[in-house]
N, C-alpha and C. Protein backbone atom coordinates (compact mmCIF):
# COMPACT_ATOMS: atom_id res chain seq x y z
N UNK A 1 24.31 2.99 -3.89
CA UNK A 1 23.64 2.44 -5.07
C UNK A 1 22.86 3.55 -5.74
N UNK A 2 23.03 3.67 -7.05
CA UNK A 2 22.36 4.69 -7.83
C UNK A 2 21.50 4.01 -8.87
N UNK A 3 20.27 4.47 -8.99
CA UNK A 3 19.39 3.95 -10.03
C UNK A 3 18.91 5.08 -10.93
N UNK A 4 18.93 4.83 -12.22
CA UNK A 4 18.42 5.76 -13.21
C UNK A 4 17.34 5.04 -14.00
N UNK A 5 16.17 5.62 -14.03
CA UNK A 5 15.05 4.98 -14.72
C UNK A 5 14.51 5.93 -15.77
N UNK A 6 14.65 5.53 -17.03
CA UNK A 6 14.17 6.36 -18.14
C UNK A 6 12.71 6.01 -18.46
N UNK A 7 12.03 6.98 -19.00
CA UNK A 7 10.66 6.77 -19.49
C UNK A 7 10.38 7.80 -20.57
N UNK A 8 9.29 7.57 -21.30
CA UNK A 8 8.86 8.54 -22.30
C UNK A 8 9.14 8.16 -23.73
N UNK A 9 9.83 7.06 -23.94
CA UNK A 9 10.07 6.62 -25.31
C UNK A 9 8.82 6.10 -25.95
N UNK A 10 8.92 5.83 -27.24
CA UNK A 10 7.77 5.28 -27.95
C UNK A 10 7.91 5.44 -29.45
N UNK A 11 6.79 5.25 -30.12
CA UNK A 11 6.73 5.36 -31.59
C UNK A 11 6.07 6.68 -31.94
N UNK A 12 6.70 7.42 -32.83
CA UNK A 12 6.17 8.72 -33.25
C UNK A 12 6.45 8.91 -34.74
N UNK A 13 5.60 9.66 -35.40
CA UNK A 13 5.85 9.97 -36.82
C UNK A 13 6.88 11.07 -36.95
N UNK A 14 7.54 11.07 -38.08
CA UNK A 14 8.51 12.13 -38.37
C UNK A 14 7.85 13.49 -38.22
N UNK A 15 8.57 14.40 -37.59
CA UNK A 15 8.03 15.73 -37.31
C UNK A 15 7.39 15.86 -35.95
N UNK A 16 7.18 14.73 -35.30
CA UNK A 16 6.54 14.74 -33.99
C UNK A 16 7.50 15.02 -32.86
N UNK A 17 6.98 14.94 -31.65
CA UNK A 17 7.77 15.25 -30.46
C UNK A 17 7.61 14.16 -29.41
N UNK A 18 8.63 14.04 -28.59
CA UNK A 18 8.60 13.17 -27.41
C UNK A 18 9.40 13.88 -26.31
N UNK A 19 9.06 13.57 -25.07
CA UNK A 19 9.87 14.03 -23.95
C UNK A 19 10.29 12.83 -23.13
N UNK A 20 11.59 12.67 -23.01
CA UNK A 20 12.16 11.60 -22.20
C UNK A 20 12.41 12.14 -20.79
N UNK A 21 12.23 11.24 -19.84
CA UNK A 21 12.53 11.57 -18.45
C UNK A 21 13.48 10.53 -17.87
N UNK A 22 14.32 10.96 -16.95
CA UNK A 22 15.23 10.06 -16.25
C UNK A 22 15.17 10.40 -14.78
N UNK A 23 14.60 9.50 -14.01
CA UNK A 23 14.47 9.70 -12.57
C UNK A 23 15.64 9.03 -11.87
N UNK A 24 16.35 9.82 -11.08
CA UNK A 24 17.51 9.31 -10.34
C UNK A 24 17.14 9.07 -8.89
N UNK A 25 17.65 7.99 -8.34
CA UNK A 25 17.43 7.67 -6.93
C UNK A 25 18.68 7.03 -6.36
N UNK A 26 18.72 7.01 -5.02
CA UNK A 26 19.87 6.43 -4.37
C UNK A 26 20.81 7.50 -3.85
N UNK A 27 22.08 7.13 -3.75
CA UNK A 27 23.08 8.03 -3.19
C UNK A 27 23.62 8.95 -4.29
N UNK A 28 22.96 10.10 -4.43
CA UNK A 28 23.32 11.06 -5.47
C UNK A 28 24.13 12.18 -4.85
N UNK A 29 25.37 12.37 -5.30
CA UNK A 29 26.18 13.45 -4.78
C UNK A 29 27.29 13.76 -5.75
N UNK A 30 27.85 14.96 -5.62
CA UNK A 30 28.98 15.38 -6.46
C UNK A 30 28.76 15.05 -7.93
N UNK A 31 27.64 15.52 -8.46
CA UNK A 31 27.36 15.29 -9.87
C UNK A 31 28.25 16.20 -10.72
N UNK A 32 28.97 15.61 -11.65
CA UNK A 32 29.76 16.38 -12.60
C UNK A 32 28.85 16.85 -13.75
N UNK A 33 28.17 15.87 -14.33
CA UNK A 33 27.22 16.20 -15.37
C UNK A 33 26.25 15.04 -15.57
N UNK A 34 25.16 15.35 -16.24
CA UNK A 34 24.17 14.36 -16.62
C UNK A 34 23.93 14.49 -18.10
N UNK A 35 23.56 13.39 -18.73
CA UNK A 35 23.37 13.48 -20.17
C UNK A 35 22.51 12.38 -20.74
N UNK A 36 22.23 12.54 -22.00
CA UNK A 36 21.51 11.55 -22.78
C UNK A 36 22.41 11.06 -23.91
N UNK A 37 22.44 9.76 -24.06
CA UNK A 37 23.15 9.13 -25.15
C UNK A 37 22.16 8.29 -25.93
N UNK A 38 22.54 7.92 -27.15
CA UNK A 38 21.68 7.03 -27.91
C UNK A 38 22.52 6.04 -28.69
N UNK A 39 21.90 4.89 -28.94
CA UNK A 39 22.57 3.85 -29.70
C UNK A 39 21.59 3.24 -30.68
N UNK A 40 21.90 3.41 -31.96
CA UNK A 40 21.10 2.81 -33.02
C UNK A 40 21.65 1.42 -33.31
N UNK A 41 20.85 0.54 -33.91
CA UNK A 41 21.32 -0.82 -34.21
C UNK A 41 22.59 -0.79 -35.06
N UNK A 42 23.58 -1.54 -34.62
CA UNK A 42 24.82 -1.65 -35.36
C UNK A 42 25.75 -0.46 -35.23
N UNK A 43 25.40 0.49 -34.37
CA UNK A 43 26.23 1.69 -34.22
C UNK A 43 26.70 1.83 -32.77
N UNK A 44 27.71 2.66 -32.58
CA UNK A 44 28.22 2.90 -31.24
C UNK A 44 27.32 3.89 -30.52
N UNK A 45 27.37 3.83 -29.19
CA UNK A 45 26.60 4.77 -28.39
C UNK A 45 27.21 6.16 -28.51
N UNK A 46 26.35 7.16 -28.73
CA UNK A 46 26.83 8.51 -28.96
C UNK A 46 26.14 9.50 -28.04
N UNK A 47 26.85 10.53 -27.70
CA UNK A 47 26.29 11.60 -26.88
C UNK A 47 25.23 12.35 -27.67
N UNK A 48 24.11 12.61 -27.05
CA UNK A 48 23.05 13.42 -27.66
C UNK A 48 23.08 14.81 -27.03
N UNK A 49 23.06 14.88 -25.71
CA UNK A 49 23.05 16.16 -25.01
C UNK A 49 23.56 15.94 -23.59
N UNK A 50 24.16 16.99 -23.04
CA UNK A 50 24.74 16.90 -21.71
C UNK A 50 24.54 18.23 -21.00
N UNK A 51 24.33 18.13 -19.68
CA UNK A 51 24.22 19.34 -18.87
C UNK A 51 25.11 19.18 -17.66
N UNK A 52 25.90 20.22 -17.36
CA UNK A 52 26.82 20.16 -16.24
C UNK A 52 26.10 20.58 -14.95
N UNK A 53 26.79 20.38 -13.85
CA UNK A 53 26.23 20.77 -12.57
C UNK A 53 25.99 22.28 -12.52
N UNK A 54 26.74 23.01 -13.32
CA UNK A 54 26.57 24.46 -13.38
C UNK A 54 25.49 24.92 -14.34
N UNK A 55 24.92 23.96 -15.06
CA UNK A 55 23.83 24.31 -15.97
C UNK A 55 24.24 24.52 -17.42
N UNK A 56 25.51 24.39 -17.72
CA UNK A 56 25.95 24.51 -19.11
C UNK A 56 25.51 23.28 -19.90
N UNK A 57 25.16 23.51 -21.14
CA UNK A 57 24.69 22.40 -21.98
C UNK A 57 25.50 22.29 -23.25
N UNK A 58 25.56 21.10 -23.79
CA UNK A 58 26.10 20.92 -25.13
C UNK A 58 25.33 19.80 -25.81
N UNK A 59 25.26 19.91 -27.13
CA UNK A 59 24.44 19.01 -27.95
C UNK A 59 25.25 18.46 -29.11
N UNK A 60 24.86 17.29 -29.55
CA UNK A 60 25.37 16.76 -30.80
C UNK A 60 24.88 17.67 -31.92
N UNK A 61 25.71 17.86 -32.94
CA UNK A 61 25.32 18.73 -34.04
C UNK A 61 24.02 18.29 -34.68
N UNK A 62 23.78 16.99 -34.71
CA UNK A 62 22.60 16.46 -35.40
C UNK A 62 21.28 16.80 -34.70
N UNK A 63 21.35 17.23 -33.42
CA UNK A 63 20.11 17.51 -32.70
C UNK A 63 19.98 18.97 -32.28
N UNK A 64 21.00 19.76 -32.55
CA UNK A 64 20.95 21.18 -32.17
C UNK A 64 19.75 21.86 -32.78
N UNK A 65 19.06 22.63 -31.95
CA UNK A 65 17.89 23.35 -32.41
C UNK A 65 16.61 22.53 -32.38
N UNK A 66 16.74 21.23 -32.14
CA UNK A 66 15.55 20.35 -32.09
C UNK A 66 15.35 19.75 -30.71
N UNK A 67 16.44 19.43 -30.01
CA UNK A 67 16.37 18.79 -28.70
C UNK A 67 16.78 19.78 -27.62
N UNK A 68 16.18 19.64 -26.45
CA UNK A 68 16.53 20.48 -25.31
C UNK A 68 16.67 19.61 -24.07
N UNK A 69 17.82 19.71 -23.43
CA UNK A 69 18.05 18.99 -22.18
C UNK A 69 17.77 19.92 -21.01
N UNK A 70 17.17 19.37 -19.96
CA UNK A 70 16.91 20.17 -18.77
C UNK A 70 16.86 19.26 -17.56
N UNK A 71 16.88 19.86 -16.38
CA UNK A 71 16.85 19.05 -15.17
C UNK A 71 16.01 19.73 -14.11
N UNK A 72 15.42 18.93 -13.27
CA UNK A 72 14.69 19.40 -12.10
C UNK A 72 15.42 18.83 -10.90
N UNK A 73 16.23 19.66 -10.26
CA UNK A 73 17.08 19.16 -9.16
C UNK A 73 16.23 18.68 -7.98
N UNK A 74 15.12 19.36 -7.74
CA UNK A 74 14.28 18.97 -6.60
C UNK A 74 13.71 17.57 -6.81
N UNK A 75 13.37 17.26 -8.05
CA UNK A 75 12.80 15.94 -8.37
C UNK A 75 13.87 14.94 -8.77
N UNK A 76 15.13 15.40 -8.84
CA UNK A 76 16.24 14.53 -9.28
C UNK A 76 15.87 13.86 -10.61
N UNK A 77 15.41 14.68 -11.52
CA UNK A 77 14.95 14.16 -12.81
C UNK A 77 15.59 14.95 -13.95
N UNK A 78 16.02 14.22 -14.94
CA UNK A 78 16.61 14.79 -16.15
C UNK A 78 15.61 14.61 -17.28
N UNK A 79 15.54 15.60 -18.15
CA UNK A 79 14.59 15.55 -19.26
C UNK A 79 15.30 15.75 -20.60
N UNK A 80 14.67 15.24 -21.64
CA UNK A 80 15.12 15.53 -23.00
C UNK A 80 13.87 15.77 -23.82
N UNK A 81 13.65 17.02 -24.18
CA UNK A 81 12.54 17.37 -25.07
C UNK A 81 13.03 17.23 -26.50
N UNK A 82 12.35 16.40 -27.26
CA UNK A 82 12.77 16.13 -28.63
C UNK A 82 11.66 16.58 -29.58
N UNK A 83 11.96 17.56 -30.40
CA UNK A 83 11.00 18.08 -31.37
C UNK A 83 11.51 17.82 -32.79
N UNK A 84 10.60 17.94 -33.74
CA UNK A 84 10.95 17.76 -35.15
C UNK A 84 11.73 16.47 -35.36
N UNK A 85 11.22 15.40 -34.80
CA UNK A 85 11.94 14.13 -34.86
C UNK A 85 12.05 13.61 -36.28
N UNK A 86 13.17 12.95 -36.53
CA UNK A 86 13.48 12.39 -37.84
C UNK A 86 13.69 10.88 -37.70
N UNK A 87 13.50 10.15 -38.79
CA UNK A 87 13.74 8.69 -38.70
C UNK A 87 15.13 8.34 -38.21
N UNK A 88 16.12 9.19 -38.52
CA UNK A 88 17.48 8.90 -38.08
C UNK A 88 17.67 9.13 -36.58
N UNK A 89 16.66 9.62 -35.89
CA UNK A 89 16.72 9.74 -34.44
C UNK A 89 16.35 8.42 -33.75
N UNK A 90 15.90 7.47 -34.55
CA UNK A 90 15.52 6.17 -33.99
C UNK A 90 16.71 5.50 -33.31
N UNK A 91 16.54 5.14 -32.05
CA UNK A 91 17.62 4.54 -31.27
C UNK A 91 17.10 4.20 -29.88
N UNK A 92 17.92 3.52 -29.12
CA UNK A 92 17.68 3.38 -27.69
C UNK A 92 18.39 4.54 -27.01
N UNK A 93 17.66 5.27 -26.20
CA UNK A 93 18.19 6.43 -25.52
C UNK A 93 18.52 6.08 -24.07
N UNK A 94 19.72 6.44 -23.65
CA UNK A 94 20.19 6.10 -22.32
C UNK A 94 20.48 7.38 -21.52
N UNK A 95 20.09 7.34 -20.28
CA UNK A 95 20.43 8.40 -19.33
C UNK A 95 21.77 8.09 -18.69
N UNK A 96 22.58 9.11 -18.46
CA UNK A 96 23.90 8.92 -17.88
C UNK A 96 24.16 9.98 -16.82
N UNK A 97 24.80 9.56 -15.75
CA UNK A 97 25.25 10.49 -14.72
C UNK A 97 26.72 10.21 -14.44
N UNK A 98 27.51 11.26 -14.42
CA UNK A 98 28.92 11.16 -14.01
C UNK A 98 29.01 11.84 -12.67
N UNK A 99 29.34 11.09 -11.62
CA UNK A 99 29.30 11.67 -10.29
C UNK A 99 30.28 10.98 -9.36
N UNK A 100 30.52 11.64 -8.23
CA UNK A 100 31.36 11.06 -7.20
C UNK A 100 32.68 11.79 -7.07
N UNK A 101 33.33 11.61 -5.91
CA UNK A 101 34.64 12.22 -5.68
C UNK A 101 35.65 11.68 -6.68
N UNK A 102 35.57 10.39 -6.96
CA UNK A 102 36.29 9.79 -8.09
C UNK A 102 35.20 9.49 -9.10
N UNK A 103 35.06 10.34 -10.12
CA UNK A 103 33.87 10.25 -10.99
C UNK A 103 33.66 8.88 -11.61
N UNK A 104 32.41 8.43 -11.50
CA UNK A 104 32.00 7.16 -12.06
C UNK A 104 30.75 7.38 -12.90
N UNK A 105 30.69 6.65 -14.00
CA UNK A 105 29.51 6.71 -14.89
C UNK A 105 28.44 5.76 -14.40
N UNK A 106 27.21 6.25 -14.37
CA UNK A 106 26.05 5.42 -14.11
C UNK A 106 25.10 5.52 -15.30
N UNK A 107 24.46 4.39 -15.61
CA UNK A 107 23.60 4.33 -16.78
C UNK A 107 22.22 3.81 -16.43
N UNK A 108 21.24 4.31 -17.15
CA UNK A 108 19.91 3.74 -17.06
C UNK A 108 19.80 2.54 -17.98
N UNK A 109 18.61 1.95 -18.01
CA UNK A 109 18.43 0.73 -18.80
C UNK A 109 18.08 1.03 -20.26
N UNK A 110 17.75 2.27 -20.53
CA UNK A 110 17.45 2.67 -21.91
C UNK A 110 15.96 2.67 -22.21
N UNK A 111 15.59 3.56 -23.12
CA UNK A 111 14.21 3.61 -23.60
C UNK A 111 14.22 3.74 -25.11
N UNK A 112 13.38 2.97 -25.77
CA UNK A 112 13.38 2.93 -27.23
C UNK A 112 12.60 4.10 -27.79
N UNK A 113 13.20 4.78 -28.75
CA UNK A 113 12.53 5.81 -29.52
C UNK A 113 12.54 5.38 -30.98
N UNK A 114 11.37 5.31 -31.58
CA UNK A 114 11.25 4.92 -32.98
C UNK A 114 10.48 6.01 -33.72
N UNK A 115 11.10 6.53 -34.78
CA UNK A 115 10.48 7.58 -35.57
C UNK A 115 10.18 7.00 -36.95
N UNK A 116 8.92 6.99 -37.31
CA UNK A 116 8.52 6.46 -38.61
C UNK A 116 8.45 7.57 -39.66
N UNK A 117 8.75 7.20 -40.88
CA UNK A 117 8.75 8.20 -41.97
C UNK A 117 7.37 8.33 -42.60
């Protein structure tokens, strides 16, 4: 059983910053990659940022230069530092882990980020 618990969401003004955290617990092994996705009302869930087990990262074009994904392996925690936030960043942000010998996706419950103009 794997649990992912996100925290750090909230309401912030445009131009502000937030840091999201995702704490992983349970049977964690053979991680392929971890990432952050977001889903705005009426839209499909989209990748925001991803980090592989080797430390390589990739970002959605819309967040490049503003968001930074990182991980603390000792704490089994994934982070997303979000700077220069824009109203269009408003969404529910989900933590994701792809892991296992036969890779399976695990998801957190989501945390709301609201950016006011």
